[in-house]
PDB file of N, CA and C in Angstrom:
ATOM      1  N   MET A   1       0.841  -1.193   0.011  1.00  0.00           N
ATOM      2  CA  MET A   1       0.004   0.020  -0.029  1.00  0.00           C
ATOM      3  C   MET A   1       0.892   1.400   0.049  1.00  0.00           C
ATOM      4  N   SER A   2       0.533   2.117  -0.835  1.00  0.00           N
ATOM      5  CA  SER A   2       1.556   3.259  -1.041  1.00  0.00           C
ATOM      6  C   SER A   2       1.064   4.311   0.138  1.00  0.00           C
ATOM      7  N   ALA A   3       1.922   5.362   0.395  1.00  0.00           N
ATOM      8  CA  ALA A   3       1.853   6.170   1.486  1.00  0.00           C
ATOM      9  C   ALA A   3       0.748   7.112   1.119  1.00  0.00           C
ATOM     10  N   ASN A   4       0.187   7.503  -0.079  1.00  0.00           N
ATOM     11  CA  ASN A   4      -0.856   8.358  -0.581  1.00  0.00           C
ATOM     12  C   ASN A   4      -2.064   7.594  -0.344  1.00  0.00           C
ATOM     13  N   THR A   5      -2.177   6.137  -0.491  1.00  0.00           N
ATOM     14  CA  THR A   5      -3.341   5.565  -0.208  1.00  0.00           C
ATOM     15  C   THR A   5      -3.642   5.237   1.243  1.00  0.00           C
ATOM     16  N   ARG A   6      -2.474   5.048   2.102  1.00  0.00           N
ATOM     17  CA  ARG A   6      -2.695   4.824   3.281  1.00  0.00           C
ATOM     18  C   ARG A   6      -3.237   6.098   4.072  1.00  0.00           C
ATOM     19  N   ASP A   7      -2.574   7.260   3.597  1.00  0.00           N
ATOM     20  CA  ASP A   7      -2.933   8.742   4.216  1.00  0.00           C
ATOM     21  C   ASP A   7      -4.506   8.896   3.842  1.00  0.00           C
ATOM     22  N   ALA A   8      -4.808   8.439   2.586  1.00  0.00           N
ATOM     23  CA  ALA A   8      -6.297   8.832   2.122  1.00  0.00           C
ATOM     24  C   ALA A   8      -7.116   8.081   3.014  1.00  0.00           C
ATOM     25  N   LEU A   9      -6.861   6.670   3.180  1.00  0.00           N
ATOM     26  CA  LEU A   9      -7.846   5.653   3.978  1.00  0.00           C
ATOM     27  C   LEU A   9      -7.682   6.258   5.422  1.00  0.00           C
ATOM     28  N   LEU A  10      -6.713   6.731   6.221  1.00  0.00           N
ATOM     29  CA  LEU A  10      -6.656   7.108   7.393  1.00  0.00           C
ATOM     30  C   LEU A  10      -7.568   8.430   7.419  1.00  0.00           C
ATOM     31  N   LEU A  11      -7.699   9.407   6.579  1.00  0.00           N
ATOM     32  CA  LEU A  11      -8.366  10.698   6.524  1.00  0.00           C
ATOM     33  C   LEU A  11      -9.855  10.179   6.520  1.00  0.00           C
ATOM     34  N   PHE A  12     -10.219   9.139   5.539  1.00  0.00           N
ATOM     35  CA  PHE A  12     -11.451   8.761   5.249  1.00  0.00           C
ATOM     36  C   PHE A  12     -11.968   8.194   6.580  1.00  0.00           C
ATOM     37  N   LEU A  13     -11.180   7.343   7.285  1.00  0.00           N
ATOM     38  CA  LEU A  13     -11.712   6.779   8.644  1.00  0.00           C
ATOM     39  C   LEU A  13     -11.735   7.817   9.814  1.00  0.00           C
ATOM     40  N   GLU A  14     -11.056   8.897   9.849  1.00  0.00           N
ATOM     41  CA  GLU A  14     -11.020   9.780  10.610  1.00  0.00           C
ATOM     42  C   GLU A  14     -12.232  10.557  10.523  1.00  0.00           C
ATOM     43  N   LYS A  15     -12.833  10.940   9.345  1.00  0.00           N
ATOM     44  CA  LYS A  15     -13.830  11.693   8.995  1.00  0.00           C
ATOM     45  C   LYS A  15     -15.307  10.810   9.107  1.00  0.00           C
ATOM     46  N   HIS A  16     -15.192   9.674   8.536  1.00  0.00           N
ATOM     47  CA  HIS A  16     -16.166   8.646   8.622  1.00  0.00           C
ATOM     48  C   HIS A  16     -16.247   7.394   9.363  1.00  0.00           C
ATOM     49  N   GLY A  17     -15.416   7.435  10.456  1.00  0.00           N
ATOM     50  CA  GLY A  17     -15.256   6.240  11.130  1.00  0.00           C
ATOM     51  C   GLY A  17     -16.421   5.596  11.819  1.00  0.00           C
ATOM     52  N   HIS A  18     -17.228   6.481  12.473  1.00  0.00           N
ATOM     53  CA  HIS A  18     -18.483   6.182  13.032  1.00  0.00           C
ATOM     54  C   HIS A  18     -19.495   5.557  12.158  1.00  0.00           C
ATOM     55  N   ALA A  19     -19.572   6.331  10.908  1.00  0.00           N
ATOM     56  CA  ALA A  19     -20.544   6.034   9.970  1.00  0.00           C
ATOM     57  C   ALA A  19     -20.281   4.501   9.429  1.00  0.00           C
ATOM     58  N   LEU A  20     -18.893   4.366   9.021  1.00  0.00           N
ATOM     59  CA  LEU A  20     -18.557   2.972   8.589  1.00  0.00           C
ATOM     60  C   LEU A  20     -18.886   2.073   9.666  1.00  0.00           C
ATOM     61  N   ALA A  21     -18.440   2.096  10.982  1.00  0.00           N
ATOM     62  CA  ALA A  21     -18.696   1.296  12.079  1.00  0.00           C
ATOM     63  C   ALA A  21     -20.103   0.738  12.247  1.00  0.00           C
ATOM     64  N   TYR A  22     -21.099   1.898  12.264  1.00  0.00           N
ATOM     65  CA  TYR A  22     -22.354   1.687  12.536  1.00  0.00           C
ATOM     66  C   TYR A  22     -23.018   0.943  11.219  1.00  0.00           C
ATOM     67  N   GLY A  23     -22.578   1.411  10.236  1.00  0.00           N
ATOM     68  CA  GLY A  23     -23.040   0.854   8.835  1.00  0.00           C
ATOM     69  C   GLY A  23     -22.865  -0.624   8.846  1.00  0.00           C
ATOM     70  N   LEU A  24     -21.645  -1.092   9.212  1.00  0.00           N
ATOM     71  CA  LEU A  24     -21.209  -2.578   9.323  1.00  0.00           C
ATOM     72  C   LEU A  24     -22.179  -3.321  10.289  1.00  0.00           C
ATOM     73  N   LEU A  25     -22.323  -2.693  11.552  1.00  0.00           N
ATOM     74  CA  LEU A  25     -22.996  -3.209  12.574  1.00  0.00           C
ATOM     75  C   LEU A  25     -24.561  -3.432  12.000  1.00  0.00           C
ATOM     76  N   GLY A  26     -24.996  -2.452  11.311  1.00  0.00           N
ATOM     77  CA  GLY A  26     -26.411  -2.624  10.816  1.00  0.00           C
ATOM     78  C   GLY A  26     -26.688  -3.746   9.911  1.00  0.00           C
ATOM     79  N   PHE A  27     -25.469  -3.920   9.008  1.00  0.00           N
ATOM     80  CA  PHE A  27     -25.376  -4.944   7.988  1.00  0.00           C
ATOM     81  C   PHE A  27     -25.340  -6.264   8.899  1.00  0.00           C
ATOM     82  N   LEU A  28     -24.470  -6.407   9.811  1.00  0.00           N
ATOM     83  CA  LEU A  28     -24.404  -7.506  10.568  1.00  0.00           C
ATOM     84  C   LEU A  28     -25.752  -7.995  11.267  1.00  0.00           C
ATOM     85  N   ILE A  29     -26.412  -6.999  12.065  1.00  0.00           N
ATOM     86  CA  ILE A  29     -27.817  -7.276  12.464  1.00  0.00           C
ATOM     87  C   ILE A  29     -28.798  -7.783  11.419  1.00  0.00           C
ATOM     88  N   ALA A  30     -28.770  -7.043  10.354  1.00  0.00           N
ATOM     89  CA  ALA A  30     -29.799  -7.403   9.146  1.00  0.00           C
ATOM     90  C   ALA A  30     -29.347  -8.920   8.729  1.00  0.00           C
ATOM     91  N   LEU A  31     -28.278  -9.063   8.579  1.00  0.00           N
ATOM     92  CA  LEU A  31     -27.848 -10.613   8.151  1.00  0.00           C
ATOM     93  C   LEU A  31     -28.243 -11.694   9.120  1.00  0.00           C
ATOM     94  N   LEU A  32     -27.966 -11.341  10.437  1.00  0.00           N
ATOM     95  CA  LEU A  32     -28.355 -12.245  11.637  1.00  0.00           C
ATOM     96  C   LEU A  32     -29.874 -12.348  11.555  1.00  0.00           C
ATOM     97  N   ILE A  33     -30.621 -11.327  11.362  1.00  0.00           N
ATOM     98  CA  ILE A  33     -32.167 -11.433  11.330  1.00  0.00           C
ATOM     99  C   ILE A  33     -32.529 -12.247  10.028  1.00  0.00           C
ATOM    100  N   LEU A  34     -31.875 -12.043   8.953  1.00  0.00           N
ATOM    101  CA  LEU A  34     -32.450 -12.860   7.820  1.00  0.00           C
ATOM    102  C   LEU A  34     -32.006 -14.399   7.778  1.00  0.00           C
ATOM    103  N   THR A  35     -30.791 -14.544   8.500  1.00  0.00           N
ATOM    104  CA  THR A  35     -30.540 -16.180   8.684  1.00  0.00           C
ATOM    105  C   THR A  35     -30.952 -16.849   9.866  1.00  0.00           C
ATOM    106  N   ILE A  36     -31.094 -16.342  11.066  1.00  0.00           N
ATOM    107  CA  ILE A  36     -31.510 -17.028  12.157  1.00  0.00           C
ATOM    108  C   ILE A  36     -32.806 -16.491  12.812  1.00  0.00           C
ATOM    109  N   GLY A  37     -33.239 -15.427  12.281  1.00  0.00           N
ATOM    110  CA  GLY A  37     -34.498 -14.852  12.704  1.00  0.00           C
ATOM    111  C   GLY A  37     -34.411 -13.614  13.944  1.00  0.00           C
ATOM    112  N   PHE A  38     -35.541 -13.099  13.927  1.00  0.00           N
ATOM    113  CA  PHE A  38     -35.566 -11.879  14.857  1.00  0.00           C
ATOM    114  C   PHE A  38     -35.329 -12.205  16.298  1.00  0.00           C
ATOM    115  N   TRP A  39     -36.036 -13.137  16.851  1.00  0.00           N
ATOM    116  CA  TRP A  39     -35.913 -13.448  18.235  1.00  0.00           C
ATOM    117  C   TRP A  39     -34.719 -13.896  18.755  1.00  0.00           C
ATOM    118  N   PRO A  40     -33.961 -14.807  17.889  1.00  0.00           N
ATOM    119  CA  PRO A  40     -32.730 -15.372  18.274  1.00  0.00           C
ATOM    120  C   PRO A  40     -31.684 -14.207  18.202  1.00  0.00           C
ATOM    121  N   THR A  41     -31.784 -13.232  17.068  1.00  0.00           N
ATOM    122  CA  THR A  41     -30.832 -12.201  17.024  1.00  0.00           C
ATOM    123  C   THR A  41     -31.090 -11.175  18.279  1.00  0.00           C
ATOM    124  N   LEU A  42     -32.324 -10.987  18.712  1.00  0.00           N
ATOM    125  CA  LEU A  42     -32.420 -10.120  19.709  1.00  0.00           C
ATOM    126  C   LEU A  42     -31.703 -10.802  21.061  1.00  0.00           C
ATOM    127  N   LEU A  43     -32.099 -12.183  21.253  1.00  0.00           N
ATOM    128  CA  LEU A  43     -31.554 -12.823  22.396  1.00  0.00           C
ATOM    129  C   LEU A  43     -29.980 -12.697  22.383  1.00  0.00           C
ATOM    130  N   LEU A  44     -29.386 -12.935  21.237  1.00  0.00           N
ATOM    131  CA  LEU A  44     -27.871 -12.684  21.130  1.00  0.00           C
ATOM    132  C   LEU A  44     -27.518 -11.497  21.347  1.00  0.00           C
ATOM    133  N   SER A  45     -28.268 -10.576  21.059  1.00  0.00           N
ATOM    134  CA  SER A  45     -27.656  -9.018  21.350  1.00  0.00           C
ATOM    135  C   SER A  45     -27.850  -8.704  22.722  1.00  0.00           C
ATOM    136  N   VAL A  46     -29.016  -9.202  23.414  1.00  0.00           N
ATOM    137  CA  VAL A  46     -28.897  -9.058  24.711  1.00  0.00           C
ATOM    138  C   VAL A  46     -27.979  -9.698  25.553  1.00  0.00           C
ATOM    139  N   PHE A  47     -27.626 -11.050  25.307  1.00  0.00           N
ATOM    140  CA  PHE A  47     -26.649 -11.490  25.949  1.00  0.00           C
ATOM    141  C   PHE A  47     -25.155 -11.016  25.683  1.00  0.00           C
ATOM    142  N   ALA A  48     -25.165 -10.516  24.549  1.00  0.00           N
ATOM    143  CA  ALA A  48     -23.776  -9.901  24.140  1.00  0.00           C
ATOM    144  C   ALA A  48     -23.428  -8.411  25.092  1.00  0.00           C
ATOM    145  N   ALA A  49     -24.683  -7.667  25.120  1.00  0.00           N
ATOM    146  CA  ALA A  49     -24.644  -6.562  25.969  1.00  0.00           C
ATOM    147  C   ALA A  49     -24.455  -6.887  27.274  1.00  0.00           C
ATOM    148  N   ILE A  50     -25.070  -7.885  27.816  1.00  0.00           N
ATOM    149  CA  ILE A  50     -24.675  -8.262  29.453  1.00  0.00           C
ATOM    150  C   ILE A  50     -23.320  -8.685  29.610  1.00  0.00           C
ATOM    151  N   GLY A  51     -22.746  -9.373  28.607  1.00  0.00           N
ATOM    152  CA  GLY A  51     -21.196  -9.827  28.689  1.00  0.00           C
ATOM    153  C   GLY A  51     -20.364  -8.416  28.569  1.00  0.00           C
ATOM    154  N   VAL A  52     -20.887  -7.505  27.711  1.00  0.00           N
ATOM    155  CA  VAL A  52     -19.921  -6.141  27.653  1.00  0.00           C
ATOM    156  C   VAL A  52     -19.953  -5.522  29.030  1.00  0.00           C
ATOM    157  N   ILE A  53     -21.419  -5.509  29.460  1.00  0.00           N
ATOM    158  CA  ILE A  53     -21.432  -4.780  30.928  1.00  0.00           C
ATOM    159  C   ILE A  53     -20.741  -5.410  31.871  1.00  0.00           C
ATOM    160  N   ILE A  54     -20.859  -6.654  31.960  1.00  0.00           N
ATOM    161  CA  ILE A  54     -20.009  -7.506  33.105  1.00  0.00           C
ATOM    162  C   ILE A  54     -18.434  -7.173  32.903  1.00  0.00           C
ATOM    163  N   GLY A  55     -18.139  -7.420  31.618  1.00  0.00           N
ATOM    164  CA  GLY A  55     -16.649  -7.192  31.526  1.00  0.00           C
ATOM    165  C   GLY A  55     -16.157  -5.747  31.756  1.00  0.00           C
ATOM    166  N   THR A  56     -17.118  -4.798  31.523  1.00  0.00           N
ATOM    167  CA  THR A  56     -16.623  -3.320  31.721  1.00  0.00           C
ATOM    168  C   THR A  56     -16.675  -3.164  33.248  1.00  0.00           C
ATOM    169  N   TYR A  57     -17.492  -3.811  34.043  1.00  0.00           N
ATOM    170  CA  TYR A  57     -17.451  -3.718  35.376  1.00  0.00           C
ATOM    171  C   TYR A  57     -16.294  -4.420  35.972  1.00  0.00           C
ATOM    172  N   GLN A  58     -15.926  -5.543  35.506  1.00  0.00           N
ATOM    173  CA  GLN A  58     -14.714  -6.225  35.942  1.00  0.00           C
ATOM    174  C   GLN A  58     -13.470  -5.558  35.770  1.00  0.00           C
ATOM    175  N   ASP A  59     -13.464  -4.635  34.442  1.00  0.00           N
ATOM    176  CA  ASP A  59     -12.288  -3.858  34.175  1.00  0.00           C
ATOM    177  C   ASP A  59     -12.073  -2.660  35.218  1.00  0.00           C
ATOM    178  N   GLY A  60     -13.304  -2.360  35.897  1.00  0.00           N
ATOM    179  CA  GLY A  60     -13.269  -1.410  36.937  1.00  0.00           C
ATOM    180  C   GLY A  60     -13.490   0.011  36.487  1.00  0.00           C
ATOM    181  N   SER A  61     -14.617   0.051  35.465  1.00  0.00           N
ATOM    182  CA  SER A  61     -15.148   1.156  35.001  1.00  0.00           C
ATOM    183  C   SER A  61     -15.802   2.106  36.268  1.00  0.00           C
ATOM    184  N   VAL A  62     -15.372   3.244  36.472  1.00  0.00           N
ATOM    185  CA  VAL A  62     -15.836   3.997  37.605  1.00  0.00           C
ATOM    186  C   VAL A  62     -17.151   4.421  37.131  1.00  0.00           C
ATOM    187  N   HIS A  63     -17.433   4.952  35.929  1.00  0.00           N
ATOM    188  CA  HIS A  63     -18.807   5.136  35.572  1.00  0.00           C
ATOM    189  C   HIS A  63     -19.789   4.377  35.632  1.00  0.00           C
ATOM    190  N   LEU A  64     -19.434   2.945  35.163  1.00  0.00           N
ATOM    191  CA  LEU A  64     -20.420   2.024  35.369  1.00  0.00           C
ATOM    192  C   LEU A  64     -20.788   1.647  36.828  1.00  0.00           C
ATOM    193  N   ARG A  65     -19.768   1.704  37.716  1.00  0.00           N
ATOM    194  CA  ARG A  65     -19.924   1.359  39.180  1.00  0.00           C
ATOM    195  C   ARG A  65     -20.794   2.356  39.616  1.00  0.00           C
ATOM    196  N   ARG A  66     -20.495   3.648  39.420  1.00  0.00           N
ATOM    197  CA  ARG A  66     -21.394   4.769  39.905  1.00  0.00           C
ATOM    198  C   ARG A  66     -22.998   4.553  39.455  1.00  0.00           C
ATOM    199  N   LEU A  67     -23.092   4.292  37.964  1.00  0.00           N
ATOM    200  CA  LEU A  67     -24.502   4.227  37.556  1.00  0.00           C
ATOM    201  C   LEU A  67     -25.118   3.046  38.285  1.00  0.00           C
ATOM    202  N   LEU A  68     -24.420   1.691  38.511  1.00  0.00           N
ATOM    203  CA  LEU A  68     -24.993   0.650  39.096  1.00  0.00           C
ATOM    204  C   LEU A  68     -25.177   0.919  40.737  1.00  0.00           C
ATOM    205  N   ALA A  69     -24.678   1.697  41.344  1.00  0.00           N
ATOM    206  CA  ALA A  69     -24.802   2.102  42.659  1.00  0.00           C
ATOM    207  C   ALA A  69     -26.042   3.029  42.731  1.00  0.00           C
ATOM    208  N   ARG A  70     -26.050   3.961  41.811  1.00  0.00           N
ATOM    209  CA  ARG A  70     -27.287   4.763  41.881  1.00  0.00           C
ATOM    210  C   ARG A  70     -28.612   3.959  41.508  1.00  0.00           C
ATOM    211  N   LEU A  71     -28.624   3.056  40.565  1.00  0.00           N
ATOM    212  CA  LEU A  71     -29.812   2.205  40.287  1.00  0.00           C
ATOM    213  C   LEU A  71     -30.108   1.410  41.535  1.00  0.00           C
ATOM    214  N   MET A  72     -29.201   0.872  42.231  1.00  0.00           N
ATOM    215  CA  MET A  72     -29.523  -0.074  43.476  1.00  0.00           C
ATOM    216  C   MET A  72     -30.033   0.926  44.422  1.00  0.00           C
ATOM    217  N   ARG A  73     -29.655   2.337  44.629  1.00  0.00           N
ATOM    218  CA  ARG A  73     -30.162   3.117  45.576  1.00  0.00           C
ATOM    219  C   ARG A  73     -31.589   3.203  45.263  1.00  0.00           C
ATOM    220  N   ASN A  74     -32.037   3.391  43.971  1.00  0.00           N
ATOM    221  CA  ASN A  74     -33.369   3.625  43.574  1.00  0.00           C
ATOM    222  C   ASN A  74     -34.227   2.519  43.780  1.00  0.00           C
ATOM    223  N   VAL A  75     -33.609   1.104  43.805  1.00  0.00           N
ATOM    224  CA  VAL A  75     -34.559   0.087  43.816  1.00  0.00           C
ATOM    225  C   VAL A  75     -34.901  -0.035  45.351  1.00  0.00           C
ATOM    226  N   ARG A  76     -34.123   0.118  46.146  1.00  0.00           N
ATOM    227  CA  ARG A  76     -34.415   0.011  47.731  1.00  0.00           C
ATOM    228  C   ARG A  76     -35.646   0.825  48.013  1.00  0.00           C
TER     229      ARG A  76
END
């Protein structure tokens, strides 16, 4: 890959990185819905989100710990 191509790619990702990432995520979700169905895709997404939350908590995220503490205070 030439330096000009690499620089152009980096500039594109800098300007449009989120659009590309969310576009790929939307494509993946649509592909999952078409292949395994809506409810299995939803269940898979929920379990993945729970895994991310647990992993973030285990990593020591201060923001997540504060949010969970605030939620637990409201439950009592």
